[in-house]
Amino acid sequence: MRDKNRVELRGRLGADPVLSTTETGRSRASIRLCTNYEYTNKDGQTVSKPEWHNIVVWGKAAENAAKYLAKGSEAEVEGRLQSREYTDKAGVQRYTTEIVANEINYGRRPTAKPAEESAPVVQARPVQRTTVRRKTNEITASSNFQVDDDLPF
């Protein structure tokens, strides 16, 4: 059996993505995503527990995330867990676990609430679902195999 490090999350952004650039010029976006875990307690009441996740996105996907996502946006993230250690500004050694995204699907964006009650309610508008993935060498049907029309089935 092979090991597997895979995470799938669907939630809403708690803040706008923070886009930065490394010394080598590579784009990096940090995203805070909130998911809710719901369960029924012993009294029969539904309890919702929010969970916050740190997401890291690299390259063109980071630029797109900063461009199309905002606080309150729905997002679906697929990636892997990564733990690392660092030293903060005070010299204290810290540890963090984050999700390095390799695919992001954008959901609905939040819209402004109307100022007056008589104004029509503006619903969240759908955004085209966009998937950002690393390009892989894909095998096309016409390039790598031959079709034999003499098969009996």
Protein backbone atom coordinates (compact mmCIF):
# COMPACT_ATOMS: atom_id res chain seq x y z
CA MET A 1 0.00 0.00 0.00
CA ARG A 2 1.29 3.46 -0.88
CA ASP A 3 1.24 6.35 1.54
CA LYS A 4 -1.20 9.15 0.81
CA ASN A 5 -1.09 12.79 1.84
CA ARG A 6 -4.24 14.38 0.43
CA VAL A 7 -6.62 17.01 1.78
CA GLU A 8 -9.94 18.23 0.35
CA LEU A 9 -11.69 21.21 1.91
CA ARG A 10 -14.70 23.33 1.05
CA GLY A 11 -15.39 26.53 2.94
CA ARG A 12 -15.28 30.31 2.95
CA LEU A 13 -12.36 32.71 3.12
CA GLY A 14 -11.96 34.56 6.41
CA ALA A 15 -9.84 37.31 4.84
CA ASP A 16 -8.61 38.45 1.44
CA PRO A 17 -5.71 36.34 0.09
CA VAL A 18 -2.26 37.78 0.82
CA LEU A 19 -0.08 37.72 -2.29
CA SER A 20 3.70 37.93 -1.96
CA THR A 21 6.71 37.24 -4.13
CA THR A 22 9.77 35.21 -3.14
CA GLU A 23 13.34 36.37 -3.74
CA THR A 24 13.39 34.23 -6.88
CA GLY A 25 10.27 35.96 -8.23
CA ARG A 26 7.78 33.15 -7.59
CA SER A 27 4.27 34.20 -6.49
CA ARG A 28 2.86 32.89 -3.20
CA ALA A 29 -0.64 33.43 -1.80
CA SER A 30 -1.69 32.77 1.78
CA ILE A 31 -5.37 32.01 2.33
CA ARG A 32 -7.35 31.53 5.56
CA LEU A 33 -10.23 29.11 4.95
CA CYS A 34 -13.00 28.34 7.42
CA THR A 35 -14.86 25.04 7.39
CA ASN A 36 -17.66 24.00 9.77
CA TYR A 37 -17.99 20.67 11.53
CA GLU A 38 -21.57 19.95 12.57
CA TYR A 39 -22.71 17.31 15.02
CA THR A 40 -25.64 16.58 17.30
CA ASN A 41 -24.93 16.72 21.03
CA LYS A 42 -26.52 14.50 23.69
CA ASP A 43 -29.42 16.99 24.08
CA GLY A 44 -30.32 16.60 20.38
CA GLN A 45 -29.13 20.08 19.42
CA THR A 46 -27.04 20.62 16.31
CA VAL A 47 -23.70 22.19 17.16
CA SER A 48 -21.50 23.85 14.54
CA LYS A 49 -17.78 24.10 15.22
CA PRO A 50 -15.70 26.29 12.89
CA GLU A 51 -12.21 25.13 11.96
CA TRP A 52 -9.61 27.46 10.42
CA HIS A 53 -7.05 26.26 7.86
CA ASN A 54 -3.93 27.93 6.47
CA ILE A 55 -3.67 27.41 2.71
CA VAL A 56 -0.57 28.15 0.60
CA VAL A 57 -0.82 28.52 -3.18
CA TRP A 58 2.15 28.96 -5.53
CA GLY A 59 2.78 30.37 -9.00
CA LYS A 60 0.03 31.40 -11.41
CA ALA A 61 -2.56 29.77 -9.16
CA ALA A 62 -1.53 32.20 -6.40
CA GLU A 63 -2.00 35.18 -8.71
CA ASN A 64 -5.44 33.91 -9.79
CA ALA A 65 -6.48 33.29 -6.19
CA ALA A 66 -5.51 36.85 -5.23
CA LYS A 67 -7.37 38.18 -8.26
CA TYR A 68 -10.62 36.20 -7.99
CA LEU A 69 -11.04 35.40 -4.29
CA ALA A 70 -12.06 37.78 -1.51
CA LYS A 71 -13.16 37.58 2.10
CA GLY A 72 -16.37 35.53 2.25
CA SER A 73 -15.80 33.78 -1.09
CA GLU A 74 -16.54 30.09 -1.36
CA ALA A 75 -13.56 27.94 -2.29
CA GLU A 76 -12.84 24.26 -2.69
CA VAL A 77 -9.20 23.31 -2.13
CA GLU A 78 -7.33 20.11 -2.85
CA GLY A 79 -3.75 19.69 -1.75
CA ARG A 80 -1.38 18.12 0.76
CA LEU A 81 -0.46 18.73 4.40
CA GLN A 82 2.93 20.21 5.09
CA SER A 83 4.49 20.93 8.48
CA ARG A 84 7.41 23.28 8.91
CA GLU A 85 9.27 25.17 11.56
CA TYR A 86 10.41 28.77 11.56
CA THR A 87 11.78 31.43 13.89
CA ASP A 88 9.54 34.43 14.52
CA LYS A 89 10.66 38.05 14.90
CA ALA A 90 11.14 37.58 18.67
CA GLY A 91 13.52 34.66 18.07
CA VAL A 92 11.05 32.01 19.23
CA GLN A 93 10.99 28.76 17.27
CA ARG A 94 7.48 28.03 15.98
CA TYR A 95 5.82 25.12 14.19
CA THR A 96 2.94 25.26 11.74
CA THR A 97 0.95 22.89 9.58
CA GLU A 98 -0.51 24.22 6.36
CA ILE A 99 -2.15 22.91 3.22
CA VAL A 100 -0.19 23.34 0.02
CA ALA A 101 -2.89 23.59 -2.65
CA ASN A 102 -2.51 22.03 -6.07
CA GLU A 103 -6.12 22.67 -7.14
CA ILE A 104 -8.59 25.41 -6.28
CA ASN A 105 -12.20 25.73 -7.43
CA TYR A 106 -13.78 29.12 -6.94
CA GLY A 107 -17.40 29.25 -5.83
CA ARG A 108 -19.60 32.26 -5.13
CA ARG A 109 -18.32 35.70 -4.28
CA PRO A 110 -20.01 37.79 -1.61
CA THR A 111 -21.82 40.93 -2.68
CA ALA A 112 -22.59 44.14 -0.82
CA LYS A 113 -25.74 44.25 1.32
CA PRO A 114 -28.32 46.91 0.38
CA ALA A 115 -28.28 50.10 2.45
CA GLU A 116 -32.08 50.32 2.71
CA GLU A 117 -34.64 47.65 3.50
CA SER A 118 -36.74 48.70 0.51
CA ALA A 119 -33.87 48.02 -1.86
CA PRO A 120 -33.89 44.60 -3.54
CA VAL A 121 -31.75 41.95 -1.88
CA VAL A 122 -28.65 41.22 -3.92
CA GLN A 123 -27.80 37.53 -3.94
CA ALA A 124 -24.28 36.18 -4.21
CA ARG A 125 -23.48 35.84 -7.88
CA PRO A 126 -21.98 32.64 -9.24
CA VAL A 127 -18.43 32.76 -10.52
CA GLN A 128 -17.16 30.46 -13.19
CA ARG A 129 -15.59 27.44 -11.54
CA THR A 130 -11.93 27.50 -12.39
CA THR A 131 -9.48 24.75 -11.73
CA VAL A 132 -5.80 25.53 -11.57
CA ARG A 133 -3.58 22.49 -11.90
CA ARG A 134 -0.02 21.77 -12.81
CA LYS A 135 0.29 20.72 -16.41
CA THR A 136 1.10 17.06 -16.92
CA ASN A 137 2.02 15.12 -20.00
CA GLU A 138 -1.33 13.90 -21.19
CA ILE A 139 -1.69 11.00 -23.58
CA THR A 140 -4.02 11.73 -26.44
CA ALA A 141 -6.01 8.99 -28.11
CA SER A 142 -4.73 9.77 -31.57
CA SER A 143 -1.03 9.91 -30.73
CA ASN A 144 -0.11 6.81 -28.74
CA PHE A 145 -2.20 3.85 -29.76
CA GLN A 146 -3.66 2.35 -32.89
CA VAL A 147 -7.26 1.38 -33.44
CA ASP A 148 -7.89 -2.10 -34.81
CA ASP A 149 -11.22 -2.15 -36.62
CA ASP A 150 -11.18 -5.94 -37.03
CA LEU A 151 -12.06 -6.68 -33.41
CA PRO A 152 -15.05 -9.05 -33.09
CA PHE A 153 -16.79 -7.04 -30.34
